[in-house]
Amino acid sequence: MSEKSEREDVIVLTDDDGKDHEFMLLRMLEVKGKEYAVLLPVDEEEQEEGPVILRLEKDERGEDVLYTIDDDDEWDAVEEAWDEAVEEFEDLADDEEYDEDEDEDDGSDDEDDDDDDDETGR
């Protein structure tokens, strides 16, 4: 189902028609004791469809194998976990952006103070 790529961070999956698709691993999720891989297609056209989430299991040889999620209840639980992860990321990004804005404001206030000093000849 997958094979090594020239780049270590790219996972190549082969579909039922024998066509290879390259993915970047965005995140691993654990839901109800099972692991899931959230993959983003490398191809920009395929990215428009959004990330692909597959269940990760071990085969009889102990190798990792990715499976589609066919059960609706399982999919709903995984989708909810992914939505929560995205929301946490967005909240973190918003917090960091807010912190950067504060830092920029602090720096601009100092510059204004310096300008005042220059005008008074100090």
Protein backbone atom coordinates (compact mmCIF):
# COMPACT_ATOMS: atom_id res chain seq x y z
CA MET A 1 0.00 0.00 0.00
CA SER A 2 2.87 2.40 0.64
CA GLU A 3 6.45 2.65 -0.49
CA LYS A 4 9.54 4.71 0.28
CA SER A 5 9.95 8.01 -1.48
CA GLU A 6 13.09 9.98 -2.25
CA ARG A 7 12.01 12.31 0.55
CA GLU A 8 11.68 10.79 4.00
CA ASP A 9 8.77 13.06 4.96
CA VAL A 10 6.59 11.93 2.02
CA ILE A 11 4.35 8.88 2.18
CA VAL A 12 3.37 7.31 -1.14
CA LEU A 13 0.06 5.45 -1.26
CA THR A 14 -1.18 3.50 -4.26
CA ASP A 15 -4.90 3.59 -5.01
CA ASP A 16 -7.04 0.72 -6.35
CA ASP A 17 -6.25 1.79 -9.93
CA GLY A 18 -2.49 1.52 -9.33
CA LYS A 19 -1.94 5.30 -9.29
CA ASP A 20 0.56 6.64 -6.73
CA HIS A 21 -0.37 9.59 -4.51
CA GLU A 22 2.14 11.45 -2.31
CA PHE A 23 1.17 12.70 1.16
CA MET A 24 2.75 14.61 4.03
CA LEU A 25 1.93 13.42 7.55
CA LEU A 26 0.22 16.32 9.33
CA ARG A 27 -0.54 14.66 12.62
CA MET A 28 -1.30 11.42 14.39
CA LEU A 29 -4.54 11.18 16.35
CA GLU A 30 -5.53 8.66 19.01
CA VAL A 31 -9.24 8.01 19.32
CA LYS A 32 -10.74 5.31 21.53
CA GLY A 33 -7.41 3.47 21.70
CA LYS A 34 -6.82 3.44 17.95
CA GLU A 35 -4.30 5.50 15.97
CA TYR A 36 -5.11 7.55 12.88
CA ALA A 37 -2.84 9.32 10.41
CA VAL A 38 -3.92 12.71 9.09
CA LEU A 39 -2.32 13.08 5.66
CA LEU A 40 -2.22 16.07 3.34
CA PRO A 41 -1.75 15.42 -0.39
CA VAL A 42 1.47 16.91 -1.78
CA ASP A 43 -0.24 17.66 -5.11
CA GLU A 44 -1.88 21.10 -4.90
CA GLU A 45 -4.96 20.00 -6.88
CA GLU A 46 -5.54 17.11 -4.49
CA GLN A 47 -5.05 19.44 -1.48
CA GLU A 48 -8.31 21.17 -2.38
CA GLU A 49 -10.10 18.04 -1.21
CA GLY A 50 -8.55 18.48 2.25
CA PRO A 51 -6.64 16.05 4.41
CA VAL A 52 -7.10 12.30 4.27
CA ILE A 53 -7.53 10.41 7.55
CA LEU A 54 -6.66 6.71 7.69
CA ARG A 55 -6.58 4.20 10.56
CA LEU A 56 -3.11 2.85 11.37
CA GLU A 57 -2.82 -0.82 12.30
CA LYS A 58 -0.11 -3.49 12.35
CA ASP A 59 -0.29 -6.37 9.90
CA GLU A 60 0.63 -9.98 10.70
CA ARG A 61 4.34 -9.13 10.16
CA GLY A 62 4.16 -6.18 12.55
CA GLU A 63 4.40 -3.57 9.81
CA ASP A 64 2.29 -0.41 9.78
CA VAL A 65 -0.65 -0.51 7.38
CA LEU A 66 -3.15 2.28 6.69
CA TYR A 67 -6.84 1.47 6.29
CA THR A 68 -9.83 3.53 5.20
CA ILE A 69 -12.48 4.21 7.83
CA ASP A 70 -15.71 2.56 6.72
CA ASP A 71 -17.72 2.67 9.96
CA ASP A 72 -19.82 5.85 10.30
CA ASP A 73 -19.55 5.99 14.11
CA GLU A 74 -15.77 5.54 13.96
CA TRP A 75 -15.53 8.25 11.28
CA ASP A 76 -17.65 10.67 13.34
CA ALA A 77 -15.41 10.19 16.40
CA VAL A 78 -12.21 10.67 14.37
CA GLU A 79 -13.61 13.69 12.53
CA GLU A 80 -14.56 15.26 15.88
CA ALA A 81 -11.03 14.66 17.22
CA TRP A 82 -9.53 16.23 14.09
CA ASP A 83 -11.86 19.24 14.31
CA GLU A 84 -10.82 19.74 17.96
CA ALA A 85 -7.12 19.52 17.00
CA VAL A 86 -7.62 22.12 14.25
CA GLU A 87 -9.49 24.39 16.65
CA GLU A 88 -6.69 24.10 19.25
CA PHE A 89 -4.14 24.96 16.57
CA GLU A 90 -6.15 27.97 15.42
CA ASP A 91 -6.51 29.18 19.02
CA LEU A 92 -2.76 28.82 19.54
CA ALA A 93 -2.04 30.68 16.30
CA ASP A 94 -4.44 33.46 17.32
CA ASP A 95 -2.71 33.73 20.73
CA GLU A 96 0.72 33.94 19.11
CA GLU A 97 -0.52 36.56 16.65
CA TYR A 98 -1.94 38.57 19.57
CA ASP A 99 1.40 38.33 21.42
CA GLU A 100 3.26 39.53 18.32
CA ASP A 101 0.89 42.49 17.99
CA GLU A 102 1.56 43.43 21.62
CA ASP A 103 5.32 43.26 21.04
CA GLU A 104 5.01 45.50 17.99
CA ASP A 105 2.88 47.98 19.95
CA ASP A 106 5.43 48.08 22.77
CA GLY A 107 8.22 48.82 20.30
CA SER A 108 6.30 51.59 18.60
CA ASP A 109 5.56 53.30 21.93
CA ASP A 110 9.27 53.37 22.72
CA GLU A 111 10.01 54.97 19.38
CA ASP A 112 7.41 57.67 20.06
CA ASP A 113 9.07 58.40 23.40
CA ASP A 114 12.44 58.71 21.68
CA ASP A 115 10.97 61.14 19.16
CA ASP A 116 9.66 63.31 21.99
CA ASP A 117 13.12 63.35 23.56
CA ASP A 118 14.69 64.46 20.29
CA GLU A 119 12.26 67.35 19.92
CA THR A 120 13.09 68.73 23.38
CA GLY A 121 16.81 68.52 22.73
CA ARG A 122 17.55 65.97 25.43
